Amino acid sequence: MALIYKPLSLLISVLGGMIAGALFKQVWNVVAGQDDAPDADDQDYTWRQVLVAAMVQGAIFGLVKAAIQRAGAQGVRKTTGHWPADDRRQRTKAHESSRS
């Protein structure tokens, strides 16, 4: 199952990054009235403008990442009957018990 889930998860993550980038661009346009968010090294923006842009971008990327990861895990469970993180937890427990 991990052989299928990992590559699929990677592909979905890339698509999620693209979606998050487009969503951030739209949100920033509405919030700030600008097409592009300020770059950290652009001297025409204040610290506050740069940090607010970074905070909004991080929140959107985090939200999209969590939503996509959760939906993928639920899809795996519906398809296979197993939750993807269960395999990882079992491997961790097995590794910890073998070191004892």
N, C-alpha and C. Protein backbone atom coordinates (compact mmCIF):
# COMPACT_ATOMS: atom_id res chain seq x y z
N MET A 1 0.82 -1.19 0.00
CA MET A 1 0.00 0.00 0.00
C MET A 1 0.87 1.26 0.00
N ALA A 2 1.96 1.25 0.76
CA ALA A 2 2.84 2.42 0.84
C ALA A 2 3.47 2.71 -0.51
N LEU A 3 3.69 1.67 -1.32
CA LEU A 3 4.29 1.87 -2.64
C LEU A 3 3.39 2.68 -3.56
N ILE A 4 2.11 2.57 -3.36
CA ILE A 4 1.15 3.32 -4.17
C ILE A 4 0.87 4.68 -3.54
N TYR A 5 0.73 4.70 -2.22
CA TYR A 5 0.33 5.92 -1.52
C TYR A 5 1.39 7.02 -1.61
N LYS A 6 2.65 6.67 -1.47
CA LYS A 6 3.73 7.68 -1.45
C LYS A 6 3.80 8.47 -2.77
N PRO A 7 3.93 7.81 -3.93
CA PRO A 7 4.00 8.59 -5.17
C PRO A 7 2.72 9.39 -5.44
N LEU A 8 1.59 8.80 -5.13
CA LEU A 8 0.33 9.49 -5.32
C LEU A 8 0.24 10.70 -4.40
N SER A 9 0.69 10.54 -3.17
CA SER A 9 0.71 11.61 -2.20
C SER A 9 1.61 12.75 -2.66
N LEU A 10 2.74 12.41 -3.25
CA LEU A 10 3.67 13.42 -3.76
C LEU A 10 3.04 14.21 -4.90
N LEU A 11 2.40 13.53 -5.81
CA LEU A 11 1.74 14.19 -6.93
C LEU A 11 0.62 15.11 -6.44
N ILE A 12 -0.16 14.62 -5.52
CA ILE A 12 -1.26 15.42 -4.98
C ILE A 12 -0.72 16.63 -4.22
N SER A 13 0.40 16.47 -3.54
CA SER A 13 1.02 17.60 -2.83
C SER A 13 1.46 18.69 -3.80
N VAL A 14 2.03 18.30 -4.92
CA VAL A 14 2.45 19.28 -5.93
C VAL A 14 1.23 20.03 -6.46
N LEU A 15 0.19 19.29 -6.77
CA LEU A 15 -1.04 19.93 -7.24
C LEU A 15 -1.62 20.84 -6.16
N GLY A 16 -1.55 20.41 -4.92
CA GLY A 16 -2.02 21.23 -3.81
C GLY A 16 -1.24 22.53 -3.69
N GLY A 17 0.07 22.46 -3.92
CA GLY A 17 0.89 23.67 -3.89
C GLY A 17 0.48 24.64 -4.98
N MET A 18 0.16 24.10 -6.13
CA MET A 18 -0.29 24.96 -7.23
C MET A 18 -1.64 25.61 -6.90
N ILE A 19 -2.53 24.82 -6.32
CA ILE A 19 -3.84 25.34 -5.92
C ILE A 19 -3.68 26.41 -4.84
N ALA A 20 -2.83 26.12 -3.86
CA ALA A 20 -2.61 27.07 -2.77
C ALA A 20 -2.01 28.38 -3.30
N GLY A 21 -1.09 28.27 -4.24
CA GLY A 21 -0.49 29.47 -4.83
C GLY A 21 -1.52 30.33 -5.55
N ALA A 22 -2.38 29.68 -6.31
CA ALA A 22 -3.43 30.41 -7.02
C ALA A 22 -4.42 31.02 -6.05
N LEU A 23 -4.78 30.28 -5.01
CA LEU A 23 -5.71 30.78 -4.00
C LEU A 23 -5.11 31.98 -3.27
N PHE A 24 -3.83 31.88 -2.89
CA PHE A 24 -3.18 32.99 -2.22
C PHE A 24 -3.16 34.23 -3.09
N LYS A 25 -2.87 34.04 -4.36
CA LYS A 25 -2.83 35.19 -5.27
C LYS A 25 -4.19 35.89 -5.32
N GLN A 26 -5.27 35.11 -5.36
CA GLN A 26 -6.61 35.69 -5.37
C GLN A 26 -6.93 36.39 -4.06
N VAL A 27 -6.60 35.76 -2.95
CA VAL A 27 -6.86 36.35 -1.63
C VAL A 27 -6.06 37.65 -1.49
N TRP A 28 -4.80 37.61 -1.88
CA TRP A 28 -3.95 38.80 -1.75
C TRP A 28 -4.49 39.94 -2.61
N ASN A 29 -4.99 39.62 -3.78
CA ASN A 29 -5.55 40.63 -4.66
C ASN A 29 -6.76 41.30 -4.00
N VAL A 30 -7.60 40.50 -3.35
CA VAL A 30 -8.79 41.04 -2.68
C VAL A 30 -8.39 41.86 -1.44
N VAL A 31 -7.49 41.30 -0.64
CA VAL A 31 -7.11 41.92 0.63
C VAL A 31 -6.27 43.19 0.42
N ALA A 32 -5.27 43.10 -0.45
CA ALA A 32 -4.33 44.21 -0.61
C ALA A 32 -4.54 45.01 -1.88
N GLY A 33 -5.35 44.48 -2.79
CA GLY A 33 -5.56 45.19 -4.05
C GLY A 33 -4.35 45.16 -4.96
N GLN A 34 -3.49 44.17 -4.77
CA GLN A 34 -2.26 44.03 -5.57
C GLN A 34 -2.23 42.65 -6.20
N ASP A 35 -1.64 42.57 -7.38
CA ASP A 35 -1.53 41.27 -8.06
C ASP A 35 -0.52 40.36 -7.38
N ASP A 36 0.56 40.93 -6.89
CA ASP A 36 1.63 40.13 -6.28
C ASP A 36 1.88 40.58 -4.85
N ALA A 37 2.18 39.62 -3.99
CA ALA A 37 2.54 39.92 -2.61
C ALA A 37 3.96 40.47 -2.57
N PRO A 38 4.28 41.24 -1.56
CA PRO A 38 5.64 41.80 -1.46
C PRO A 38 6.67 40.71 -1.18
N ASP A 39 7.82 40.84 -1.82
CA ASP A 39 8.95 39.97 -1.53
C ASP A 39 9.66 40.49 -0.29
N ALA A 40 10.26 39.60 0.46
CA ALA A 40 10.94 39.98 1.69
C ALA A 40 12.10 40.95 1.43
N ASP A 41 12.70 40.86 0.27
CA ASP A 41 13.85 41.74 -0.01
C ASP A 41 13.50 42.98 -0.84
N ASP A 42 12.22 43.27 -0.96
CA ASP A 42 11.78 44.46 -1.70
C ASP A 42 11.74 45.64 -0.73
N GLN A 43 12.58 46.62 -0.96
CA GLN A 43 12.71 47.73 -0.03
C GLN A 43 11.52 48.69 -0.05
N ASP A 44 10.64 48.55 -1.01
CA ASP A 44 9.48 49.43 -1.11
C ASP A 44 8.35 49.06 -0.15
N TYR A 45 8.50 47.94 0.56
CA TYR A 45 7.48 47.49 1.50
C TYR A 45 8.02 47.54 2.92
N THR A 46 7.10 47.73 3.85
CA THR A 46 7.49 47.76 5.27
C THR A 46 7.61 46.34 5.80
N TRP A 47 8.19 46.23 7.00
CA TRP A 47 8.26 44.93 7.67
C TRP A 47 6.87 44.36 7.84
N ARG A 48 5.95 45.21 8.26
CA ARG A 48 4.59 44.76 8.52
C ARG A 48 3.95 44.18 7.26
N GLN A 49 4.09 44.87 6.13
CA GLN A 49 3.49 44.38 4.89
C GLN A 49 4.08 43.03 4.48
N VAL A 50 5.38 42.91 4.60
CA VAL A 50 6.05 41.66 4.22
C VAL A 50 5.64 40.52 5.14
N LEU A 51 5.60 40.78 6.45
CA LEU A 51 5.26 39.72 7.40
C LEU A 51 3.79 39.33 7.33
N VAL A 52 2.91 40.27 7.09
CA VAL A 52 1.49 39.94 6.94
C VAL A 52 1.29 39.08 5.69
N ALA A 53 1.97 39.44 4.61
CA ALA A 53 1.87 38.64 3.38
C ALA A 53 2.37 37.22 3.62
N ALA A 54 3.48 37.09 4.34
CA ALA A 54 4.02 35.76 4.63
C ALA A 54 3.08 34.96 5.53
N MET A 55 2.48 35.64 6.49
CA MET A 55 1.55 34.96 7.39
C MET A 55 0.31 34.46 6.65
N VAL A 56 -0.24 35.28 5.80
CA VAL A 56 -1.43 34.88 5.03
C VAL A 56 -1.07 33.73 4.09
N GLN A 57 0.07 33.85 3.44
CA GLN A 57 0.50 32.79 2.52
C GLN A 57 0.72 31.48 3.27
N GLY A 58 1.36 31.53 4.42
CA GLY A 58 1.60 30.33 5.21
C GLY A 58 0.31 29.68 5.69
N ALA A 59 -0.64 30.51 6.10
CA ALA A 59 -1.93 29.98 6.56
C ALA A 59 -2.67 29.28 5.42
N ILE A 60 -2.66 29.88 4.25
CA ILE A 60 -3.35 29.28 3.11
C ILE A 60 -2.67 27.98 2.70
N PHE A 61 -1.33 27.99 2.61
CA PHE A 61 -0.62 26.77 2.23
C PHE A 61 -0.83 25.67 3.26
N GLY A 62 -0.80 26.02 4.55
CA GLY A 62 -1.02 25.03 5.60
C GLY A 62 -2.42 24.44 5.54
N LEU A 63 -3.41 25.29 5.31
CA LEU A 63 -4.78 24.84 5.21
C LEU A 63 -4.98 23.90 4.02
N VAL A 64 -4.47 24.29 2.88
CA VAL A 64 -4.62 23.45 1.68
C VAL A 64 -3.88 22.13 1.86
N LYS A 65 -2.68 22.18 2.43
CA LYS A 65 -1.90 20.95 2.64
C LYS A 65 -2.64 19.99 3.56
N ALA A 66 -3.16 20.51 4.67
CA ALA A 66 -3.88 19.65 5.61
C ALA A 66 -5.15 19.07 4.98
N ALA A 67 -5.87 19.88 4.23
CA ALA A 67 -7.11 19.41 3.60
C ALA A 67 -6.82 18.33 2.57
N ILE A 68 -5.79 18.52 1.78
CA ILE A 68 -5.44 17.54 0.75
C ILE A 68 -4.91 16.25 1.38
N GLN A 69 -4.08 16.39 2.40
CA GLN A 69 -3.54 15.20 3.07
C GLN A 69 -4.65 14.40 3.74
N ARG A 70 -5.56 15.10 4.38
CA ARG A 70 -6.68 14.43 5.06
C ARG A 70 -7.59 13.74 4.05
N ALA A 71 -7.91 14.43 2.96
CA ALA A 71 -8.78 13.83 1.93
C ALA A 71 -8.09 12.61 1.30
N GLY A 72 -6.79 12.69 1.09
CA GLY A 72 -6.05 11.55 0.54
C GLY A 72 -6.08 10.36 1.47
N ALA A 73 -5.89 10.62 2.76
CA ALA A 73 -5.92 9.53 3.74
C ALA A 73 -7.30 8.89 3.79
N GLN A 74 -8.35 9.70 3.74
CA GLN A 74 -9.70 9.15 3.73
C GLN A 74 -9.97 8.35 2.46
N GLY A 75 -9.43 8.82 1.34
CA GLY A 75 -9.58 8.09 0.08
C GLY A 75 -8.89 6.73 0.15
N VAL A 76 -7.71 6.70 0.76
CA VAL A 76 -7.00 5.42 0.91
C VAL A 76 -7.81 4.49 1.81
N ARG A 77 -8.36 5.03 2.89
CA ARG A 77 -9.15 4.18 3.79
C ARG A 77 -10.39 3.62 3.08
N LYS A 78 -11.05 4.45 2.28
CA LYS A 78 -12.23 3.97 1.56
C LYS A 78 -11.86 2.92 0.53
N THR A 79 -10.70 3.07 -0.07
CA THR A 79 -10.26 2.14 -1.12
C THR A 79 -9.70 0.84 -0.55
N THR A 80 -8.87 0.95 0.50
CA THR A 80 -8.16 -0.21 1.01
C THR A 80 -8.67 -0.72 2.36
N GLY A 81 -9.39 0.13 3.07
CA GLY A 81 -9.84 -0.25 4.41
C GLY A 81 -8.82 0.05 5.49
N HIS A 82 -7.67 0.63 5.12
CA HIS A 82 -6.61 0.95 6.08
C HIS A 82 -6.31 2.44 6.05
N TRP A 83 -6.06 3.00 7.22
CA TRP A 83 -5.65 4.40 7.34
C TRP A 83 -4.14 4.45 7.10
N PRO A 84 -3.64 5.32 6.20
CA PRO A 84 -2.22 5.32 5.84
C PRO A 84 -1.27 5.49 7.03
N ALA A 85 -1.61 6.31 7.99
CA ALA A 85 -0.71 6.53 9.12
C ALA A 85 -0.60 5.31 10.03
N ASP A 86 -1.55 4.38 9.96
CA ASP A 86 -1.49 3.18 10.79
C ASP A 86 -0.24 2.36 10.48
N ASP A 87 0.12 2.25 9.20
CA ASP A 87 1.33 1.51 8.81
C ASP A 87 2.57 2.17 9.41
N ARG A 88 2.62 3.49 9.38
CA ARG A 88 3.77 4.22 9.91
C ARG A 88 3.86 4.02 11.41
N ARG A 89 2.74 4.07 12.10
CA ARG A 89 2.73 3.86 13.56
C ARG A 89 3.19 2.45 13.91
N GLN A 90 2.75 1.47 13.15
CA GLN A 90 3.15 0.09 13.42
C GLN A 90 4.64 -0.10 13.22
N ARG A 91 5.20 0.51 12.16
CA ARG A 91 6.64 0.41 11.92
C ARG A 91 7.42 1.09 13.03
N THR A 92 6.95 2.23 13.53
CA THR A 92 7.61 2.95 14.61
C THR A 92 7.60 2.12 15.89
N LYS A 93 6.45 1.53 16.20
CA LYS A 93 6.35 0.69 17.40
C LYS A 93 7.27 -0.52 17.29
N ALA A 94 7.32 -1.14 16.12
CA ALA A 94 8.18 -2.31 15.92
C ALA A 94 9.65 -1.92 16.06
N HIS A 95 10.01 -0.76 15.54
CA HIS A 95 11.40 -0.30 15.63
C HIS A 95 11.77 0.01 17.08
N GLU A 96 10.85 0.66 17.81
CA GLU A 96 11.11 0.98 19.21
C GLU A 96 11.24 -0.27 20.07
N SER A 97 10.41 -1.27 19.81
CA SER A 97 10.48 -2.49 20.61
C SER A 97 11.73 -3.31 20.29
N SER A 98 12.24 -3.20 19.06
CA SER A 98 13.44 -3.94 18.70
C SER A 98 14.69 -3.32 19.32
N ARG A 99 14.64 -2.03 19.66
CA ARG A 99 15.79 -1.37 20.28
C ARG A 99 15.84 -1.65 21.77
N SER A 100 14.75 -2.07 22.36
CA SER A 100 14.70 -2.30 23.83
C SER A 100 15.38 -3.57 24.21
